[in-house]
Amino acid sequence: MTRALAALFLRDLRLARRIGGGGSMGVVFFLIMVTIVPFAIGPDLNLLGRIGPAILWIGALLATLLGLDRLFQADHEDGSLDLLRMADTPLELIVLVKCAAHWTATGLPLALAAPVFGVMLAMEPQALAGVTLSLLAGTPALTFLGAMGAALTATLRRGGLLMAILVLPMAVPVLIFGVSAAAAASDAVASFGTPFMILCALTLLSAVGAPFAAAAALRSLGE
């Protein structure tokens, strides 16, 4: 079972590099958003530095959604999803591994690129460190939540918009505590630990519950 899951993980990583939704596409989208925001807000460096964590988190959220609609849709189109459903490996573990591969290809590059893009927003070093840690802890939750929407829209040819409508409301708590933790890192008064621990808890909860919900949705497709 371990060998099969490892092969599935490597397969999804290779597919992410070959088709849209890979890490480079997400990072480019991330860069574009960070670049255009100062044009809309203005050249006030103090203002950009204050709202920088929110800008980076919103950019990471939207960039994570790129390619999530293809998480199961591509497998449904080429028949791989039927084979995955009939495999001896529990479907919940298959969903978990596919989410891990998607985060490695998309979420991890976004978290690593955040400090570089944060410099463009005149953020302080403490804030950059806080954003990076919060993204590393919170972006897996975005992937797991997105997997539920991707499973529900796997049979739709243009289900990306519907998936975003389903996922964005569920991602609001992750966004709130992610921005709170990132902003508290540079604030001597606010506590970084409390929102960061809540963010980690949200990720753990989504990692436990989302694979079961997504697997149930995928099983219903074959009925």
N, C-alpha and C. Protein backbone atom coordinates (compact mmCIF):
# COMPACT_ATOMS: atom_id res chain seq x y z
N MET A 1 0.83 -1.20 0.00
CA MET A 1 0.00 0.00 0.00
C MET A 1 0.87 1.26 0.00
N THR A 2 1.94 1.22 0.80
CA THR A 2 2.82 2.39 0.88
C THR A 2 3.46 2.68 -0.47
N ARG A 3 3.87 1.63 -1.17
CA ARG A 3 4.49 1.82 -2.49
C ARG A 3 3.49 2.41 -3.48
N ALA A 4 2.25 1.95 -3.42
CA ALA A 4 1.23 2.47 -4.34
C ALA A 4 0.94 3.94 -4.05
N LEU A 5 0.88 4.32 -2.78
CA LEU A 5 0.63 5.71 -2.43
C LEU A 5 1.80 6.60 -2.82
N ALA A 6 3.02 6.09 -2.66
CA ALA A 6 4.20 6.86 -3.07
C ALA A 6 4.21 7.06 -4.58
N ALA A 7 3.82 6.03 -5.33
CA ALA A 7 3.75 6.15 -6.78
C ALA A 7 2.69 7.16 -7.20
N LEU A 8 1.56 7.18 -6.49
CA LEU A 8 0.51 8.15 -6.79
C LEU A 8 0.99 9.57 -6.49
N PHE A 9 1.72 9.74 -5.40
CA PHE A 9 2.25 11.06 -5.04
C PHE A 9 3.19 11.57 -6.11
N LEU A 10 4.12 10.73 -6.56
CA LEU A 10 5.07 11.14 -7.60
C LEU A 10 4.36 11.39 -8.92
N ARG A 11 3.35 10.59 -9.22
CA ARG A 11 2.59 10.79 -10.46
C ARG A 11 1.91 12.15 -10.48
N ASP A 12 1.28 12.52 -9.37
CA ASP A 12 0.59 13.81 -9.32
C ASP A 12 1.58 14.97 -9.38
N LEU A 13 2.76 14.79 -8.80
CA LEU A 13 3.78 15.84 -8.90
C LEU A 13 4.23 16.04 -10.34
N ARG A 14 4.42 14.95 -11.06
CA ARG A 14 4.82 15.05 -12.46
C ARG A 14 3.73 15.70 -13.30
N LEU A 15 2.48 15.33 -13.04
CA LEU A 15 1.38 15.94 -13.78
C LEU A 15 1.26 17.42 -13.48
N ALA A 16 1.53 17.81 -12.24
CA ALA A 16 1.45 19.23 -11.88
C ALA A 16 2.49 20.05 -12.62
N ARG A 17 3.63 19.46 -12.91
CA ARG A 17 4.66 20.18 -13.66
C ARG A 17 4.33 20.28 -15.14
N ARG A 18 3.60 19.30 -15.66
CA ARG A 18 3.36 19.25 -17.10
C ARG A 18 2.15 20.06 -17.52
N ILE A 19 1.14 20.16 -16.64
CA ILE A 19 -0.10 20.84 -17.01
C ILE A 19 -0.29 22.04 -16.11
N GLY A 20 -1.32 22.85 -16.41
CA GLY A 20 -1.59 24.03 -15.62
C GLY A 20 -1.94 23.67 -14.19
N GLY A 21 -1.67 24.60 -13.27
CA GLY A 21 -1.94 24.36 -11.87
C GLY A 21 -0.70 24.03 -11.08
N GLY A 22 0.46 23.97 -11.73
CA GLY A 22 1.69 23.69 -11.03
C GLY A 22 2.16 24.87 -10.21
N GLY A 23 3.30 24.66 -9.54
CA GLY A 23 3.81 25.70 -8.66
C GLY A 23 4.17 26.98 -9.39
N SER A 24 4.72 26.88 -10.59
CA SER A 24 5.14 28.08 -11.31
C SER A 24 3.95 28.96 -11.67
N MET A 25 2.84 28.35 -12.05
CA MET A 25 1.64 29.12 -12.40
C MET A 25 1.11 29.86 -11.17
N GLY A 26 1.09 29.18 -10.03
CA GLY A 26 0.61 29.81 -8.81
C GLY A 26 1.51 30.95 -8.37
N VAL A 27 2.83 30.75 -8.47
CA VAL A 27 3.77 31.80 -8.06
C VAL A 27 3.66 33.00 -8.97
N VAL A 28 3.49 32.78 -10.27
CA VAL A 28 3.34 33.90 -11.20
C VAL A 28 2.07 34.68 -10.90
N PHE A 29 0.97 33.97 -10.63
CA PHE A 29 -0.27 34.65 -10.26
C PHE A 29 -0.08 35.43 -8.97
N PHE A 30 0.61 34.83 -8.01
CA PHE A 30 0.93 35.49 -6.74
C PHE A 30 1.70 36.78 -6.98
N LEU A 31 2.70 36.71 -7.84
CA LEU A 31 3.53 37.88 -8.14
C LEU A 31 2.71 38.98 -8.81
N ILE A 32 1.85 38.60 -9.74
CA ILE A 32 1.02 39.60 -10.44
C ILE A 32 0.12 40.33 -9.45
N MET A 33 -0.48 39.59 -8.54
CA MET A 33 -1.38 40.23 -7.58
C MET A 33 -0.63 41.17 -6.66
N VAL A 34 0.52 40.73 -6.16
CA VAL A 34 1.31 41.59 -5.27
C VAL A 34 1.79 42.83 -6.02
N THR A 35 2.02 42.70 -7.31
CA THR A 35 2.53 43.83 -8.10
C THR A 35 1.45 44.86 -8.37
N ILE A 36 0.22 44.42 -8.64
CA ILE A 36 -0.82 45.37 -9.03
C ILE A 36 -1.49 46.04 -7.84
N VAL A 37 -1.41 45.42 -6.64
CA VAL A 37 -2.07 46.02 -5.48
C VAL A 37 -1.53 47.41 -5.16
N PRO A 38 -0.19 47.64 -5.16
CA PRO A 38 0.29 49.01 -4.88
C PRO A 38 -0.22 50.05 -5.87
N PHE A 39 -0.49 49.65 -7.12
CA PHE A 39 -1.04 50.61 -8.08
C PHE A 39 -2.45 51.04 -7.67
N ALA A 40 -3.21 50.14 -7.05
CA ALA A 40 -4.57 50.47 -6.63
C ALA A 40 -4.59 51.24 -5.32
N ILE A 41 -3.67 50.93 -4.42
CA ILE A 41 -3.68 51.54 -3.09
C ILE A 41 -2.89 52.84 -3.06
N GLY A 42 -1.78 52.87 -3.80
CA GLY A 42 -0.94 54.06 -3.79
C GLY A 42 0.44 53.74 -3.23
N PRO A 43 1.34 54.70 -3.26
CA PRO A 43 2.72 54.45 -2.87
C PRO A 43 2.99 54.61 -1.38
N ASP A 44 1.97 54.61 -0.54
CA ASP A 44 2.15 54.76 0.90
C ASP A 44 2.79 53.49 1.47
N LEU A 45 4.08 53.54 1.79
CA LEU A 45 4.79 52.35 2.26
C LEU A 45 4.29 51.90 3.63
N ASN A 46 3.92 52.83 4.49
CA ASN A 46 3.41 52.45 5.80
C ASN A 46 2.10 51.68 5.69
N LEU A 47 1.24 52.14 4.79
CA LEU A 47 -0.03 51.45 4.58
C LEU A 47 0.21 50.07 3.97
N LEU A 48 1.09 49.98 2.98
CA LEU A 48 1.38 48.70 2.36
C LEU A 48 1.97 47.72 3.37
N GLY A 49 2.84 48.22 4.24
CA GLY A 49 3.42 47.36 5.24
C GLY A 49 2.39 46.82 6.22
N ARG A 50 1.38 47.64 6.55
CA ARG A 50 0.34 47.19 7.50
C ARG A 50 -0.58 46.15 6.88
N ILE A 51 -0.94 46.37 5.64
CA ILE A 51 -1.89 45.44 5.01
C ILE A 51 -1.17 44.35 4.21
N GLY A 52 0.15 44.36 4.23
CA GLY A 52 0.91 43.36 3.48
C GLY A 52 0.53 41.92 3.81
N PRO A 53 0.41 41.54 5.11
CA PRO A 53 0.01 40.16 5.41
C PRO A 53 -1.33 39.76 4.80
N ALA A 54 -2.29 40.68 4.82
CA ALA A 54 -3.59 40.37 4.23
C ALA A 54 -3.48 40.20 2.72
N ILE A 55 -2.68 41.04 2.07
CA ILE A 55 -2.50 40.93 0.62
C ILE A 55 -1.87 39.58 0.26
N LEU A 56 -0.83 39.21 0.99
CA LEU A 56 -0.15 37.95 0.70
C LEU A 56 -1.06 36.76 0.96
N TRP A 57 -1.85 36.82 2.01
CA TRP A 57 -2.73 35.69 2.30
C TRP A 57 -3.85 35.57 1.27
N ILE A 58 -4.43 36.70 0.86
CA ILE A 58 -5.47 36.64 -0.16
C ILE A 58 -4.88 36.13 -1.48
N GLY A 59 -3.69 36.59 -1.82
CA GLY A 59 -3.03 36.10 -3.02
C GLY A 59 -2.76 34.61 -2.95
N ALA A 60 -2.31 34.13 -1.79
CA ALA A 60 -2.05 32.70 -1.62
C ALA A 60 -3.34 31.88 -1.72
N LEU A 61 -4.42 32.41 -1.15
CA LEU A 61 -5.71 31.71 -1.23
C LEU A 61 -6.17 31.56 -2.67
N LEU A 62 -6.12 32.65 -3.42
CA LEU A 62 -6.57 32.59 -4.81
C LEU A 62 -5.63 31.74 -5.67
N ALA A 63 -4.34 31.83 -5.41
CA ALA A 63 -3.38 31.04 -6.18
C ALA A 63 -3.54 29.55 -5.89
N THR A 64 -3.90 29.21 -4.65
CA THR A 64 -4.10 27.80 -4.31
C THR A 64 -5.27 27.21 -5.08
N LEU A 65 -6.29 28.03 -5.34
CA LEU A 65 -7.46 27.53 -6.06
C LEU A 65 -7.14 27.20 -7.52
N LEU A 66 -6.05 27.78 -8.04
CA LEU A 66 -5.68 27.49 -9.42
C LEU A 66 -5.31 26.01 -9.55
N GLY A 67 -5.96 25.33 -10.43
CA GLY A 67 -5.65 23.93 -10.65
C GLY A 67 -6.35 22.96 -9.73
N LEU A 68 -6.99 23.46 -8.67
CA LEU A 68 -7.68 22.54 -7.77
C LEU A 68 -8.88 21.88 -8.43
N ASP A 69 -9.50 22.56 -9.38
CA ASP A 69 -10.63 21.95 -10.07
C ASP A 69 -10.21 20.74 -10.88
N ARG A 70 -8.89 20.64 -11.21
CA ARG A 70 -8.38 19.50 -11.96
C ARG A 70 -7.86 18.39 -11.06
N LEU A 71 -8.01 18.55 -9.75
CA LEU A 71 -7.45 17.57 -8.82
C LEU A 71 -8.04 16.19 -9.06
N PHE A 72 -9.35 16.13 -9.30
CA PHE A 72 -10.01 14.86 -9.58
C PHE A 72 -10.63 14.84 -10.98
N GLN A 73 -10.81 16.00 -11.57
CA GLN A 73 -11.48 16.06 -12.87
C GLN A 73 -10.67 15.36 -13.96
N ALA A 74 -9.34 15.57 -13.94
CA ALA A 74 -8.50 14.92 -14.94
C ALA A 74 -8.55 13.41 -14.81
N ASP A 75 -8.57 12.91 -13.56
CA ASP A 75 -8.67 11.47 -13.35
C ASP A 75 -10.03 10.95 -13.79
N HIS A 76 -11.07 11.75 -13.63
CA HIS A 76 -12.39 11.34 -14.08
C HIS A 76 -12.46 11.26 -15.60
N GLU A 77 -11.80 12.19 -16.28
CA GLU A 77 -11.86 12.22 -17.73
C GLU A 77 -11.10 11.08 -18.38
N ASP A 78 -9.95 10.69 -17.82
CA ASP A 78 -9.17 9.61 -18.45
C ASP A 78 -9.45 8.23 -17.85
N GLY A 79 -10.42 8.15 -16.93
CA GLY A 79 -10.79 6.86 -16.36
C GLY A 79 -9.97 6.43 -15.17
N SER A 80 -8.98 7.21 -14.78
CA SER A 80 -8.15 6.84 -13.63
C SER A 80 -8.95 6.83 -12.34
N LEU A 81 -9.94 7.69 -12.25
CA LEU A 81 -10.72 7.77 -11.02
C LEU A 81 -11.48 6.48 -10.75
N ASP A 82 -11.95 5.83 -11.80
CA ASP A 82 -12.63 4.54 -11.62
C ASP A 82 -11.67 3.50 -11.06
N LEU A 83 -10.44 3.50 -11.56
CA LEU A 83 -9.45 2.56 -11.04
C LEU A 83 -9.09 2.86 -9.60
N LEU A 84 -9.01 4.14 -9.26
CA LEU A 84 -8.70 4.52 -7.88
C LEU A 84 -9.82 4.11 -6.93
N ARG A 85 -11.06 4.23 -7.40
CA ARG A 85 -12.18 3.82 -6.55
C ARG A 85 -12.21 2.31 -6.33
N MET A 86 -11.76 1.55 -7.33
CA MET A 86 -11.78 0.09 -7.21
C MET A 86 -10.53 -0.48 -6.57
N ALA A 87 -9.56 0.35 -6.27
CA ALA A 87 -8.30 -0.13 -5.70
C ALA A 87 -8.51 -0.62 -4.27
N ASP A 88 -7.58 -1.46 -3.83
CA ASP A 88 -7.64 -1.97 -2.46
C ASP A 88 -7.29 -0.88 -1.45
N THR A 89 -6.55 0.11 -1.88
CA THR A 89 -6.17 1.21 -0.98
C THR A 89 -7.41 2.05 -0.66
N PRO A 90 -7.62 2.38 0.61
CA PRO A 90 -8.79 3.22 0.97
C PRO A 90 -8.78 4.53 0.20
N LEU A 91 -9.95 4.91 -0.26
CA LEU A 91 -10.06 6.12 -1.07
C LEU A 91 -9.68 7.36 -0.26
N GLU A 92 -9.92 7.30 1.05
CA GLU A 92 -9.55 8.44 1.90
C GLU A 92 -8.04 8.68 1.87
N LEU A 93 -7.25 7.60 1.89
CA LEU A 93 -5.80 7.75 1.82
C LEU A 93 -5.36 8.27 0.45
N ILE A 94 -6.06 7.84 -0.59
CA ILE A 94 -5.75 8.33 -1.93
C ILE A 94 -5.99 9.84 -2.02
N VAL A 95 -7.11 10.30 -1.46
CA VAL A 95 -7.40 11.73 -1.45
C VAL A 95 -6.34 12.48 -0.65
N LEU A 96 -5.94 11.91 0.49
CA LEU A 96 -4.92 12.55 1.32
C LEU A 96 -3.61 12.70 0.58
N VAL A 97 -3.20 11.68 -0.15
CA VAL A 97 -1.94 11.72 -0.89
C VAL A 97 -2.03 12.72 -2.05
N LYS A 98 -3.16 12.75 -2.74
CA LYS A 98 -3.32 13.69 -3.84
C LYS A 98 -3.30 15.13 -3.32
N CYS A 99 -3.88 15.35 -2.15
CA CYS A 99 -3.83 16.69 -1.55
C CYS A 99 -2.39 17.06 -1.17
N ALA A 100 -1.66 16.09 -0.63
CA ALA A 100 -0.26 16.34 -0.27
C ALA A 100 0.57 16.69 -1.49
N ALA A 101 0.32 16.01 -2.60
CA ALA A 101 1.05 16.30 -3.83
C ALA A 101 0.70 17.69 -4.36
N HIS A 102 -0.59 18.03 -4.30
CA HIS A 102 -1.00 19.36 -4.78
C HIS A 102 -0.38 20.45 -3.93
N TRP A 103 -0.36 20.26 -2.60
CA TRP A 103 0.24 21.28 -1.74
C TRP A 103 1.74 21.40 -1.98
N THR A 104 2.41 20.27 -2.18
CA THR A 104 3.84 20.31 -2.44
C THR A 104 4.14 21.06 -3.73
N ALA A 105 3.28 20.90 -4.74
CA ALA A 105 3.51 21.54 -6.03
C ALA A 105 3.04 22.98 -6.07
N THR A 106 2.08 23.33 -5.22
CA THR A 106 1.47 24.67 -5.30
C THR A 106 1.63 25.46 -4.01
N GLY A 107 1.19 24.90 -2.90
CA GLY A 107 1.20 25.65 -1.64
C GLY A 107 2.59 25.92 -1.10
N LEU A 108 3.48 24.94 -1.16
CA LEU A 108 4.83 25.12 -0.64
C LEU A 108 5.60 26.20 -1.40
N PRO A 109 5.58 26.23 -2.74
CA PRO A 109 6.26 27.34 -3.44
C PRO A 109 5.70 28.71 -3.08
N LEU A 110 4.39 28.79 -2.84
CA LEU A 110 3.80 30.07 -2.47
C LEU A 110 4.33 30.54 -1.11
N ALA A 111 4.40 29.62 -0.16
CA ALA A 111 4.91 29.99 1.16
C ALA A 111 6.37 30.41 1.11
N LEU A 112 7.15 29.74 0.28
CA LEU A 112 8.57 30.08 0.18
C LEU A 112 8.79 31.39 -0.57
N ALA A 113 7.87 31.71 -1.50
CA ALA A 113 8.00 32.96 -2.26
C ALA A 113 7.46 34.16 -1.51
N ALA A 114 6.67 33.94 -0.46
CA ALA A 114 6.03 35.04 0.26
C ALA A 114 7.03 36.04 0.83
N PRO A 115 8.14 35.62 1.45
CA PRO A 115 9.07 36.64 1.97
C PRO A 115 9.65 37.55 0.89
N VAL A 116 9.91 36.98 -0.28
CA VAL A 116 10.45 37.79 -1.37
C VAL A 116 9.42 38.81 -1.83
N PHE A 117 8.18 38.39 -1.97
CA PHE A 117 7.14 39.30 -2.41
C PHE A 117 6.77 40.29 -1.30
N GLY A 118 6.95 39.87 -0.04
CA GLY A 118 6.66 40.78 1.06
C GLY A 118 7.58 41.98 1.09
N VAL A 119 8.82 41.80 0.61
CA VAL A 119 9.75 42.93 0.53
C VAL A 119 9.20 44.00 -0.40
N MET A 120 8.49 43.59 -1.45
CA MET A 120 7.90 44.54 -2.38
C MET A 120 6.79 45.36 -1.72
N LEU A 121 6.26 44.86 -0.61
CA LEU A 121 5.20 45.57 0.10
C LEU A 121 5.73 46.30 1.34
N ALA A 122 7.04 46.44 1.42
CA ALA A 122 7.69 47.19 2.51
C ALA A 122 7.37 46.59 3.88
N MET A 123 7.30 45.26 3.96
CA MET A 123 7.02 44.61 5.22
C MET A 123 8.30 44.44 6.03
N GLU A 124 8.16 44.46 7.35
CA GLU A 124 9.30 44.30 8.25
C GLU A 124 9.74 42.84 8.30
N PRO A 125 11.00 42.59 8.69
CA PRO A 125 11.48 41.19 8.76
C PRO A 125 10.64 40.29 9.66
N GLN A 126 10.16 40.84 10.79
CA GLN A 126 9.34 40.02 11.68
C GLN A 126 8.03 39.64 11.00
N ALA A 127 7.46 40.59 10.26
CA ALA A 127 6.21 40.30 9.55
C ALA A 127 6.44 39.28 8.44
N LEU A 128 7.58 39.36 7.77
CA LEU A 128 7.89 38.39 6.72
C LEU A 128 7.99 36.99 7.30
N ALA A 129 8.66 36.87 8.45
CA ALA A 129 8.77 35.56 9.09
C ALA A 129 7.39 35.05 9.53
N GLY A 130 6.56 35.95 10.06
CA GLY A 130 5.22 35.54 10.47
C GLY A 130 4.36 35.08 9.31
N VAL A 131 4.44 35.80 8.17
CA VAL A 131 3.68 35.40 6.99
C VAL A 131 4.13 34.03 6.49
N THR A 132 5.43 33.81 6.46
CA THR A 132 5.95 32.53 5.97
C THR A 132 5.49 31.38 6.85
N LEU A 133 5.60 31.53 8.17
CA LEU A 133 5.17 30.48 9.08
C LEU A 133 3.67 30.23 8.99
N SER A 134 2.90 31.31 8.91
CA SER A 134 1.44 31.14 8.83
C SER A 134 1.02 30.49 7.53
N LEU A 135 1.70 30.82 6.43
CA LEU A 135 1.37 30.18 5.16
C LEU A 135 1.76 28.71 5.16
N LEU A 136 2.90 28.39 5.74
CA LEU A 136 3.31 26.98 5.84
C LEU A 136 2.30 26.18 6.66
N ALA A 137 1.74 26.81 7.68
CA ALA A 137 0.78 26.11 8.54
C ALA A 137 -0.63 26.12 7.98
N GLY A 138 -0.99 27.16 7.23
CA GLY A 138 -2.37 27.32 6.81
C GLY A 138 -2.71 26.89 5.40
N THR A 139 -1.74 26.96 4.48
CA THR A 139 -2.06 26.58 3.10
C THR A 139 -2.46 25.11 2.94
N PRO A 140 -1.95 24.16 3.77
CA PRO A 140 -2.49 22.79 3.65
C PRO A 140 -3.99 22.74 3.91
N ALA A 141 -4.48 23.57 4.84
CA ALA A 141 -5.92 23.59 5.09
C ALA A 141 -6.69 24.06 3.86
N LEU A 142 -6.14 25.04 3.14
CA LEU A 142 -6.80 25.50 1.92
C LEU A 142 -6.86 24.39 0.88
N THR A 143 -5.80 23.60 0.80
CA THR A 143 -5.79 22.49 -0.16
C THR A 143 -6.82 21.43 0.21
N PHE A 144 -6.90 21.08 1.49
CA PHE A 144 -7.87 20.07 1.92
C PHE A 144 -9.30 20.55 1.72
N LEU A 145 -9.57 21.79 2.04
CA LEU A 145 -10.91 22.34 1.81
C LEU A 145 -11.23 22.37 0.33
N GLY A 146 -10.23 22.73 -0.47
CA GLY A 146 -10.44 22.75 -1.92
C GLY A 146 -10.69 21.37 -2.49
N ALA A 147 -10.12 20.34 -1.85
CA ALA A 147 -10.34 18.97 -2.33
C ALA A 147 -11.81 18.58 -2.23
N MET A 148 -12.49 19.06 -1.20
CA MET A 148 -13.92 18.76 -1.08
C MET A 148 -14.70 19.39 -2.23
N GLY A 149 -14.40 20.64 -2.53
CA GLY A 149 -15.07 21.27 -3.67
C GLY A 149 -14.70 20.63 -4.98
N ALA A 150 -13.44 20.22 -5.13
CA ALA A 150 -13.01 19.57 -6.36
C ALA A 150 -13.70 18.22 -6.55
N ALA A 151 -13.92 17.51 -5.46
CA ALA A 151 -14.61 16.22 -5.55
C ALA A 151 -16.07 16.40 -5.95
N LEU A 152 -16.70 17.44 -5.43
CA LEU A 152 -18.11 17.67 -5.76
C LEU A 152 -18.30 18.12 -7.20
N THR A 153 -17.30 18.75 -7.79
CA THR A 153 -17.42 19.29 -9.15
C THR A 153 -16.57 18.50 -10.16
N ALA A 154 -16.18 17.28 -9.80
CA ALA A 154 -15.27 16.51 -10.66
C ALA A 154 -15.89 16.17 -12.00
N THR A 155 -17.20 16.03 -12.07
CA THR A 155 -17.86 15.65 -13.31
C THR A 155 -18.25 16.84 -14.17
N LEU A 156 -18.04 18.05 -13.69
CA LEU A 156 -18.41 19.25 -14.44
C LEU A 156 -17.23 19.72 -15.27
N ARG A 157 -17.45 20.03 -16.52
CA ARG A 157 -16.37 20.45 -17.41
C ARG A 157 -15.81 21.81 -17.01
N ARG A 158 -16.64 22.71 -16.58
CA ARG A 158 -16.20 24.04 -16.16
C ARG A 158 -16.65 24.28 -14.73
N GLY A 159 -16.17 23.43 -13.85
CA GLY A 159 -16.58 23.51 -12.46
C GLY A 159 -15.69 24.38 -11.60
N GLY A 160 -14.72 25.07 -12.20
CA GLY A 160 -13.79 25.87 -11.41
C GLY A 160 -14.47 26.98 -10.65
N LEU A 161 -15.40 27.69 -11.29
CA LEU A 161 -16.10 28.79 -10.64
C LEU A 161 -16.99 28.27 -9.52
N LEU A 162 -17.71 27.18 -9.78
CA LEU A 162 -18.57 26.61 -8.75
C LEU A 162 -17.73 26.11 -7.58
N MET A 163 -16.57 25.52 -7.88
CA MET A 163 -15.70 25.04 -6.81
C MET A 163 -15.23 26.19 -5.93
N ALA A 164 -14.88 27.33 -6.57
CA ALA A 164 -14.44 28.49 -5.80
C ALA A 164 -15.57 29.01 -4.91
N ILE A 165 -16.80 29.01 -5.43
CA ILE A 165 -17.94 29.48 -4.63
C ILE A 165 -18.16 28.57 -3.42
N LEU A 166 -17.91 27.27 -3.60
CA LEU A 166 -18.09 26.33 -2.50
C LEU A 166 -16.96 26.44 -1.47
N VAL A 167 -15.75 26.68 -1.94
CA VAL A 167 -14.57 26.61 -1.07
C VAL A 167 -14.33 27.91 -0.32
N LEU A 168 -14.51 29.05 -0.97
CA LEU A 168 -14.15 30.33 -0.36
C LEU A 168 -14.84 30.58 0.99
N PRO A 169 -16.14 30.32 1.14
CA PRO A 169 -16.74 30.52 2.47
C PRO A 169 -16.10 29.64 3.55
N MET A 170 -15.74 28.42 3.21
CA MET A 170 -15.12 27.53 4.19
C MET A 170 -13.71 27.98 4.54
N ALA A 171 -13.07 28.72 3.63
CA ALA A 171 -11.69 29.15 3.85
C ALA A 171 -11.59 30.43 4.66
N VAL A 172 -12.72 31.07 4.96
CA VAL A 172 -12.69 32.34 5.69
C VAL A 172 -12.03 32.20 7.06
N PRO A 173 -12.34 31.20 7.90
CA PRO A 173 -11.64 31.09 9.19
C PRO A 173 -10.13 30.93 9.04
N VAL A 174 -9.69 30.16 8.04
CA VAL A 174 -8.26 30.00 7.81
C VAL A 174 -7.63 31.34 7.45
N LEU A 175 -8.32 32.10 6.61
CA LEU A 175 -7.82 33.41 6.20
C LEU A 175 -7.73 34.36 7.40
N ILE A 176 -8.75 34.35 8.24
CA ILE A 176 -8.78 35.27 9.39
C ILE A 176 -7.62 35.00 10.33
N PHE A 177 -7.44 33.75 10.73
CA PHE A 177 -6.39 33.45 11.70
C PHE A 177 -5.01 33.45 11.05
N GLY A 178 -4.93 33.19 9.75
CA GLY A 178 -3.65 33.30 9.07
C GLY A 178 -3.16 34.74 9.03
N VAL A 179 -4.05 35.66 8.69
CA VAL A 179 -3.68 37.08 8.66
C VAL A 179 -3.41 37.58 10.08
N SER A 180 -4.20 37.13 11.05
CA SER A 180 -3.99 37.56 12.43
C SER A 180 -2.63 37.12 12.94
N ALA A 181 -2.25 35.89 12.64
CA ALA A 181 -0.94 35.40 13.09
C ALA A 181 0.19 36.16 12.40
N ALA A 182 0.05 36.39 11.09
CA ALA A 182 1.10 37.09 10.36
C ALA A 182 1.23 38.54 10.84
N ALA A 183 0.11 39.19 11.11
CA ALA A 183 0.15 40.58 11.57
C ALA A 183 0.70 40.67 12.99
N ALA A 184 0.40 39.68 13.83
CA ALA A 184 0.86 39.71 15.22
C ALA A 184 2.36 39.50 15.33
N ALA A 185 2.98 38.93 14.31
CA ALA A 185 4.42 38.68 14.38
C ALA A 185 5.22 39.96 14.49
N SER A 186 4.72 41.05 13.93
CA SER A 186 5.42 42.33 13.99
C SER A 186 4.82 43.29 15.00
N ASP A 187 3.84 42.82 15.77
CA ASP A 187 3.17 43.65 16.77
C ASP A 187 3.63 43.23 18.15
N ALA A 188 4.19 44.16 18.91
CA ALA A 188 4.70 43.83 20.24
C ALA A 188 3.58 43.60 21.24
N VAL A 189 2.36 44.02 20.92
CA VAL A 189 1.25 43.88 21.85
C VAL A 189 0.49 42.58 21.61
N ALA A 190 0.12 42.32 20.36
CA ALA A 190 -0.66 41.13 20.04
C ALA A 190 0.19 39.87 20.17
N SER A 191 -0.47 38.77 20.48
CA SER A 191 0.22 37.49 20.65
C SER A 191 0.21 36.71 19.35
N PHE A 192 1.39 36.24 18.94
CA PHE A 192 1.49 35.43 17.72
C PHE A 192 1.03 34.01 17.96
N GLY A 193 1.27 33.49 19.17
CA GLY A 193 1.01 32.08 19.44
C GLY A 193 -0.44 31.68 19.33
N THR A 194 -1.35 32.52 19.85
CA THR A 194 -2.76 32.13 19.89
C THR A 194 -3.36 31.95 18.50
N PRO A 195 -3.30 32.95 17.61
CA PRO A 195 -3.88 32.72 16.26
C PRO A 195 -3.12 31.65 15.48
N PHE A 196 -1.81 31.53 15.73
CA PHE A 196 -1.04 30.52 15.00
C PHE A 196 -1.46 29.11 15.43
N MET A 197 -1.68 28.89 16.71
CA MET A 197 -2.11 27.58 17.17
C MET A 197 -3.52 27.25 16.67
N ILE A 198 -4.39 28.25 16.62
CA ILE A 198 -5.73 28.02 16.06
C ILE A 198 -5.63 27.68 14.58
N LEU A 199 -4.73 28.35 13.88
CA LEU A 199 -4.51 28.05 12.46
C LEU A 199 -4.03 26.62 12.28
N CYS A 200 -3.10 26.19 13.11
CA CYS A 200 -2.63 24.80 13.04
C CYS A 200 -3.75 23.82 13.33
N ALA A 201 -4.62 24.17 14.30
CA ALA A 201 -5.75 23.31 14.63
C ALA A 201 -6.71 23.19 13.45
N LEU A 202 -6.95 24.31 12.76
CA LEU A 202 -7.82 24.27 11.58
C LEU A 202 -7.23 23.37 10.49
N THR A 203 -5.92 23.42 10.33
CA THR A 203 -5.27 22.56 9.34
C THR A 203 -5.42 21.09 9.72
N LEU A 204 -5.22 20.78 11.00
CA LEU A 204 -5.36 19.39 11.45
C LEU A 204 -6.80 18.90 11.29
N LEU A 205 -7.75 19.74 11.62
CA LEU A 205 -9.16 19.36 11.47
C LEU A 205 -9.51 19.10 10.01
N SER A 206 -9.04 19.97 9.13
CA SER A 206 -9.31 19.78 7.71
C SER A 206 -8.60 18.55 7.17
N ALA A 207 -7.40 18.26 7.68
CA ALA A 207 -6.67 17.07 7.22
C ALA A 207 -7.37 15.79 7.64
N VAL A 208 -8.09 15.85 8.77
CA VAL A 208 -8.82 14.67 9.25
C VAL A 208 -10.16 14.53 8.54
N GLY A 209 -10.89 15.62 8.43
CA GLY A 209 -12.25 15.53 7.91
C GLY A 209 -12.39 15.60 6.40
N ALA A 210 -11.56 16.42 5.74
CA ALA A 210 -11.72 16.63 4.30
C ALA A 210 -11.54 15.37 3.48
N PRO A 211 -10.53 14.51 3.75
CA PRO A 211 -10.41 13.29 2.94
C PRO A 211 -11.64 12.40 2.99
N PHE A 212 -12.29 12.31 4.14
CA PHE A 212 -13.50 11.50 4.24
C PHE A 212 -14.65 12.13 3.46
N ALA A 213 -14.80 13.45 3.55
CA ALA A 213 -15.86 14.12 2.82
C ALA A 213 -15.63 14.03 1.31
N ALA A 214 -14.38 14.26 0.88
CA ALA A 214 -14.07 14.18 -0.55
C ALA A 214 -14.23 12.75 -1.07
N ALA A 215 -13.80 11.77 -0.27
CA ALA A 215 -13.94 10.37 -0.70
C ALA A 215 -15.43 9.99 -0.84
N ALA A 216 -16.26 10.46 0.09
CA ALA A 216 -17.70 10.18 -0.02
C ALA A 216 -18.28 10.79 -1.28
N ALA A 217 -17.84 12.02 -1.61
CA ALA A 217 -18.33 12.65 -2.83
C ALA A 217 -17.86 11.90 -4.08
N LEU A 218 -16.64 11.40 -4.06
CA LEU A 218 -16.14 10.66 -5.22
C LEU A 218 -16.84 9.32 -5.36
N ARG A 219 -17.16 8.69 -4.25
CA ARG A 219 -17.89 7.41 -4.35
C ARG A 219 -19.27 7.63 -4.93
N SER A 220 -19.88 8.76 -4.63
CA SER A 220 -21.23 9.02 -5.14
C SER A 220 -21.24 9.22 -6.64
N LEU A 221 -20.07 9.58 -7.22
CA LEU A 221 -20.01 9.78 -8.66
C LEU A 221 -20.20 8.47 -9.41
N GLY A 222 -19.80 7.37 -8.77
CA GLY A 222 -19.90 6.09 -9.47
C GLY A 222 -21.22 5.38 -9.25
N GLU A 223 -22.10 5.97 -8.48
CA GLU A 223 -23.39 5.34 -8.20
C GLU A 223 -24.44 5.73 -9.24
